[in-house]
Amino acid sequence: KARQTHPDCLRAIYGSDEQRNGLHGSDSYSTAEREIRFFFPNSIVEPVPAGQAAKDYLGKTVNPTLLRGLTELCKQKPAEPVLWLADWLLENNPNKPKVRGPIVHEA
């Protein structure tokens, strides 16, 4: 069916028929968790925060840094805003390891 409706999609390119379709996408997180456990029984499936837990996580760990970056982005108005923000986030990552002492470059 994918070859007729979406000939350029991955399923049409790599699949051979309806049963051997080359890839799969689950319709929900709980379905994906069940299918991963079925196909990969030795894998450890990490829990993904949802609902209030996700809001708490984002509010504590992501939003403060992202808000600072987006504020600076609006002040700077760079020509390539996505690349600028990516560079800013790399430079201002609060989880970036801190190097103590001088950096010694060997010749």
N, C-alpha and C. Protein backbone atom coordinates (compact mmCIF):
# COMPACT_ATOMS: atom_id res chain seq x y z
N LYS A 1 0.82 -1.19 0.00
CA LYS A 1 0.00 0.00 0.00
C LYS A 1 0.87 1.27 0.00
N ALA A 2 1.97 1.27 0.77
CA ALA A 2 2.83 2.45 0.85
C ALA A 2 3.43 2.80 -0.52
N ARG A 3 3.74 1.79 -1.29
CA ARG A 3 4.32 2.06 -2.62
C ARG A 3 3.35 2.81 -3.52
N GLN A 4 2.05 2.57 -3.33
CA GLN A 4 1.06 3.27 -4.16
C GLN A 4 0.74 4.65 -3.60
N THR A 5 0.61 4.76 -2.28
CA THR A 5 0.17 6.03 -1.71
C THR A 5 1.31 7.00 -1.42
N HIS A 6 2.47 6.49 -1.02
CA HIS A 6 3.62 7.33 -0.67
C HIS A 6 4.91 6.66 -1.17
N PRO A 7 5.15 6.67 -2.47
CA PRO A 7 6.27 5.91 -3.03
C PRO A 7 7.65 6.34 -2.55
N ASP A 8 7.79 7.53 -2.00
CA ASP A 8 9.10 8.00 -1.54
C ASP A 8 9.33 7.79 -0.05
N CYS A 9 8.36 7.21 0.65
CA CYS A 9 8.52 7.03 2.10
C CYS A 9 9.43 5.82 2.38
N LEU A 10 9.97 5.78 3.59
CA LEU A 10 10.90 4.70 3.97
C LEU A 10 10.26 3.33 3.88
N ARG A 11 9.00 3.22 4.27
CA ARG A 11 8.32 1.93 4.21
C ARG A 11 8.21 1.43 2.77
N ALA A 12 7.93 2.33 1.83
CA ALA A 12 7.83 1.95 0.42
C ALA A 12 9.20 1.58 -0.13
N ILE A 13 10.23 2.30 0.29
CA ILE A 13 11.58 2.05 -0.23
C ILE A 13 12.16 0.76 0.32
N TYR A 14 12.03 0.52 1.65
CA TYR A 14 12.70 -0.61 2.28
C TYR A 14 11.80 -1.82 2.54
N GLY A 15 10.52 -1.65 2.51
CA GLY A 15 9.63 -2.78 2.79
C GLY A 15 9.44 -3.64 1.56
N SER A 16 9.17 -4.93 1.79
CA SER A 16 8.94 -5.84 0.66
C SER A 16 7.46 -6.20 0.51
N ASP A 17 6.70 -6.17 1.61
CA ASP A 17 5.26 -6.41 1.56
C ASP A 17 4.64 -5.90 2.86
N GLU A 18 3.34 -6.17 3.06
CA GLU A 18 2.64 -5.65 4.24
C GLU A 18 3.21 -6.20 5.55
N GLN A 19 3.73 -7.43 5.55
CA GLN A 19 4.28 -8.02 6.76
C GLN A 19 5.74 -7.63 6.98
N ARG A 20 6.51 -7.55 5.91
CA ARG A 20 7.93 -7.18 6.00
C ARG A 20 8.06 -5.76 5.45
N ASN A 21 7.70 -4.80 6.32
CA ASN A 21 7.60 -3.44 5.84
C ASN A 21 8.80 -2.56 6.15
N GLY A 22 9.87 -3.11 6.66
CA GLY A 22 11.11 -2.37 6.82
C GLY A 22 11.19 -1.51 8.07
N LEU A 23 10.08 -1.01 8.58
CA LEU A 23 10.08 -0.21 9.79
C LEU A 23 8.68 -0.17 10.38
N HIS A 24 8.62 0.32 11.60
CA HIS A 24 7.32 0.35 12.29
C HIS A 24 7.26 1.57 13.18
N GLY A 25 6.12 2.18 13.26
CA GLY A 25 5.86 3.27 14.19
C GLY A 25 4.66 2.92 15.04
N SER A 26 4.81 3.01 16.34
CA SER A 26 3.71 2.69 17.25
C SER A 26 2.74 3.86 17.33
N ASP A 27 1.50 3.56 17.70
CA ASP A 27 0.48 4.61 17.75
C ASP A 27 0.44 5.35 19.09
N SER A 28 1.16 4.85 20.10
CA SER A 28 1.18 5.53 21.40
C SER A 28 2.41 5.08 22.18
N TYR A 29 2.70 5.81 23.25
CA TYR A 29 3.84 5.45 24.07
C TYR A 29 3.65 4.07 24.70
N SER A 30 2.45 3.80 25.22
CA SER A 30 2.24 2.51 25.89
C SER A 30 2.32 1.35 24.89
N THR A 31 1.82 1.55 23.68
CA THR A 31 1.94 0.51 22.65
C THR A 31 3.41 0.30 22.30
N ALA A 32 4.14 1.39 22.15
CA ALA A 32 5.57 1.29 21.82
C ALA A 32 6.32 0.54 22.91
N GLU A 33 6.03 0.84 24.16
CA GLU A 33 6.68 0.16 25.27
C GLU A 33 6.42 -1.35 25.21
N ARG A 34 5.17 -1.73 24.96
CA ARG A 34 4.81 -3.15 24.86
C ARG A 34 5.53 -3.82 23.68
N GLU A 35 5.54 -3.14 22.54
CA GLU A 35 6.17 -3.72 21.34
C GLU A 35 7.68 -3.83 21.50
N ILE A 36 8.31 -2.84 22.13
CA ILE A 36 9.76 -2.92 22.36
C ILE A 36 10.08 -4.10 23.25
N ARG A 37 9.29 -4.27 24.31
CA ARG A 37 9.52 -5.42 25.21
C ARG A 37 9.32 -6.76 24.49
N PHE A 38 8.40 -6.79 23.53
CA PHE A 38 8.16 -8.02 22.78
C PHE A 38 9.32 -8.31 21.83
N PHE A 39 9.70 -7.31 21.02
CA PHE A 39 10.74 -7.54 20.01
C PHE A 39 12.15 -7.56 20.59
N PHE A 40 12.36 -6.82 21.67
CA PHE A 40 13.69 -6.73 22.28
C PHE A 40 13.58 -7.03 23.77
N PRO A 41 13.36 -8.30 24.13
CA PRO A 41 13.07 -8.64 25.53
C PRO A 41 14.22 -8.33 26.49
N ASN A 42 15.44 -8.23 26.01
CA ASN A 42 16.58 -7.95 26.89
C ASN A 42 16.88 -6.46 27.04
N SER A 43 16.10 -5.61 26.38
CA SER A 43 16.33 -4.17 26.44
C SER A 43 15.71 -3.58 27.71
N ILE A 44 16.32 -2.51 28.17
CA ILE A 44 15.78 -1.76 29.30
C ILE A 44 15.09 -0.55 28.71
N VAL A 45 13.81 -0.41 28.98
CA VAL A 45 13.03 0.72 28.47
C VAL A 45 12.96 1.75 29.58
N GLU A 46 13.61 2.90 29.36
CA GLU A 46 13.61 3.97 30.35
C GLU A 46 12.24 4.65 30.36
N PRO A 47 11.74 5.01 31.52
CA PRO A 47 10.46 5.71 31.57
C PRO A 47 10.60 7.14 31.02
N VAL A 48 9.62 7.58 30.27
CA VAL A 48 9.58 8.94 29.74
C VAL A 48 8.60 9.73 30.59
N PRO A 49 9.04 10.87 31.13
CA PRO A 49 8.10 11.65 31.94
C PRO A 49 6.90 12.09 31.12
N ALA A 50 5.74 12.08 31.73
CA ALA A 50 4.52 12.53 31.06
C ALA A 50 3.72 13.37 32.04
N GLY A 51 2.79 14.15 31.53
CA GLY A 51 1.90 14.95 32.35
C GLY A 51 2.65 15.91 33.25
N GLN A 52 2.29 15.93 34.52
CA GLN A 52 2.90 16.87 35.48
C GLN A 52 4.38 16.60 35.66
N ALA A 53 4.78 15.34 35.62
CA ALA A 53 6.21 15.01 35.77
C ALA A 53 7.02 15.63 34.64
N ALA A 54 6.49 15.61 33.42
CA ALA A 54 7.18 16.23 32.28
C ALA A 54 7.24 17.75 32.46
N LYS A 55 6.13 18.34 32.89
CA LYS A 55 6.11 19.79 33.12
C LYS A 55 7.11 20.18 34.19
N ASP A 56 7.18 19.42 35.27
CA ASP A 56 8.12 19.71 36.34
C ASP A 56 9.56 19.61 35.85
N TYR A 57 9.85 18.55 35.10
CA TYR A 57 11.19 18.34 34.57
C TYR A 57 11.59 19.50 33.65
N LEU A 58 10.72 19.82 32.69
CA LEU A 58 11.03 20.91 31.75
C LEU A 58 11.16 22.24 32.48
N GLY A 59 10.27 22.49 33.42
CA GLY A 59 10.31 23.75 34.16
C GLY A 59 11.58 23.92 34.97
N LYS A 60 12.11 22.84 35.48
CA LYS A 60 13.31 22.91 36.31
C LYS A 60 14.60 22.86 35.49
N THR A 61 14.64 22.05 34.45
CA THR A 61 15.92 21.79 33.77
C THR A 61 16.07 22.43 32.40
N VAL A 62 15.00 22.63 31.67
CA VAL A 62 15.11 23.09 30.28
C VAL A 62 14.68 24.55 30.12
N ASN A 63 13.51 24.88 30.64
CA ASN A 63 12.93 26.19 30.39
C ASN A 63 13.81 27.37 30.81
N PRO A 64 14.47 27.35 31.99
CA PRO A 64 15.28 28.50 32.36
C PRO A 64 16.40 28.80 31.36
N THR A 65 17.10 27.78 30.93
CA THR A 65 18.19 27.97 29.97
C THR A 65 17.64 28.37 28.61
N LEU A 66 16.59 27.71 28.18
CA LEU A 66 16.01 28.02 26.88
C LEU A 66 15.44 29.43 26.84
N LEU A 67 14.84 29.87 27.93
CA LEU A 67 14.30 31.22 28.00
C LEU A 67 15.42 32.26 27.89
N ARG A 68 16.53 32.02 28.58
CA ARG A 68 17.68 32.94 28.47
C ARG A 68 18.19 32.98 27.04
N GLY A 69 18.30 31.81 26.41
CA GLY A 69 18.78 31.76 25.03
C GLY A 69 17.85 32.45 24.06
N LEU A 70 16.56 32.22 24.20
CA LEU A 70 15.59 32.86 23.30
C LEU A 70 15.53 34.37 23.51
N THR A 71 15.69 34.81 24.75
CA THR A 71 15.72 36.24 25.03
C THR A 71 16.93 36.88 24.36
N GLU A 72 18.08 36.25 24.49
CA GLU A 72 19.30 36.77 23.85
C GLU A 72 19.18 36.73 22.33
N LEU A 73 18.54 35.69 21.81
CA LEU A 73 18.31 35.57 20.37
C LEU A 73 17.49 36.76 19.86
N CYS A 74 16.45 37.14 20.60
CA CYS A 74 15.62 38.28 20.20
C CYS A 74 16.39 39.59 20.25
N LYS A 75 17.30 39.70 21.21
CA LYS A 75 18.13 40.92 21.30
C LYS A 75 19.12 40.98 20.14
N GLN A 76 19.74 39.86 19.80
CA GLN A 76 20.79 39.82 18.78
C GLN A 76 20.25 39.85 17.36
N LYS A 77 19.10 39.21 17.14
CA LYS A 77 18.49 39.09 15.81
C LYS A 77 19.49 38.64 14.73
N PRO A 78 20.09 37.47 14.93
CA PRO A 78 21.08 36.99 13.95
C PRO A 78 20.42 36.58 12.63
N ALA A 79 21.22 36.53 11.58
CA ALA A 79 20.72 36.14 10.25
C ALA A 79 20.29 34.68 10.24
N GLU A 80 20.99 33.84 10.98
CA GLU A 80 20.68 32.40 11.06
C GLU A 80 20.26 32.08 12.50
N PRO A 81 19.01 32.34 12.87
CA PRO A 81 18.62 32.21 14.28
C PRO A 81 18.72 30.79 14.85
N VAL A 82 18.42 29.79 14.07
CA VAL A 82 18.48 28.41 14.60
C VAL A 82 19.92 28.01 14.87
N LEU A 83 20.82 28.33 13.94
CA LEU A 83 22.23 28.01 14.16
C LEU A 83 22.79 28.82 15.33
N TRP A 84 22.39 30.09 15.41
CA TRP A 84 22.85 30.93 16.52
C TRP A 84 22.41 30.33 17.85
N LEU A 85 21.12 29.93 17.94
CA LEU A 85 20.61 29.36 19.17
C LEU A 85 21.31 28.04 19.51
N ALA A 86 21.57 27.23 18.50
CA ALA A 86 22.28 25.96 18.75
C ALA A 86 23.66 26.24 19.33
N ASP A 87 24.39 27.20 18.77
CA ASP A 87 25.71 27.55 19.30
C ASP A 87 25.60 28.11 20.71
N TRP A 88 24.59 28.96 20.94
CA TRP A 88 24.40 29.55 22.26
C TRP A 88 24.13 28.46 23.29
N LEU A 89 23.27 27.51 22.94
CA LEU A 89 22.95 26.43 23.87
C LEU A 89 24.17 25.58 24.19
N LEU A 90 25.00 25.32 23.19
CA LEU A 90 26.23 24.56 23.45
C LEU A 90 27.15 25.32 24.40
N GLU A 91 27.27 26.61 24.18
CA GLU A 91 28.15 27.44 25.00
C GLU A 91 27.61 27.64 26.42
N ASN A 92 26.30 27.70 26.57
CA ASN A 92 25.68 28.02 27.85
C ASN A 92 24.99 26.82 28.50
N ASN A 93 25.34 25.63 28.11
CA ASN A 93 24.77 24.42 28.68
C ASN A 93 25.13 24.34 30.16
N PRO A 94 24.15 24.38 31.06
CA PRO A 94 24.48 24.32 32.49
C PRO A 94 25.05 22.96 32.91
N ASN A 95 24.93 21.95 32.07
CA ASN A 95 25.46 20.62 32.38
C ASN A 95 26.82 20.37 31.74
N LYS A 96 27.37 21.39 31.07
CA LYS A 96 28.66 21.23 30.42
C LYS A 96 29.74 21.03 31.48
N PRO A 97 30.62 20.07 31.27
CA PRO A 97 31.68 19.84 32.26
C PRO A 97 32.55 21.08 32.42
N LYS A 98 32.94 21.34 33.64
CA LYS A 98 33.81 22.48 33.95
C LYS A 98 35.26 21.98 33.96
N VAL A 99 36.13 22.71 33.29
CA VAL A 99 37.56 22.37 33.29
C VAL A 99 38.24 23.23 34.34
N ARG A 100 38.94 22.58 35.23
CA ARG A 100 39.65 23.31 36.29
C ARG A 100 41.12 23.38 35.94
N GLY A 101 41.71 24.49 36.24
CA GLY A 101 43.14 24.67 35.98
C GLY A 101 43.39 25.02 34.53
N PRO A 102 44.61 25.33 34.22
CA PRO A 102 44.94 25.72 32.84
C PRO A 102 44.88 24.53 31.89
N ILE A 103 44.53 24.81 30.67
CA ILE A 103 44.53 23.77 29.64
C ILE A 103 45.93 23.74 29.04
N VAL A 104 46.54 22.58 29.04
CA VAL A 104 47.90 22.43 28.51
C VAL A 104 47.82 21.76 27.16
N HIS A 105 48.36 22.44 26.16
CA HIS A 105 48.39 21.89 24.80
C HIS A 105 49.77 21.30 24.55
N GLU A 106 49.81 20.03 24.18
CA GLU A 106 51.10 19.40 23.90
C GLU A 106 51.53 19.72 22.49
N ALA A 107 52.81 19.94 22.32
CA ALA A 107 53.34 20.29 21.00
C ALA A 107 53.68 19.07 20.20
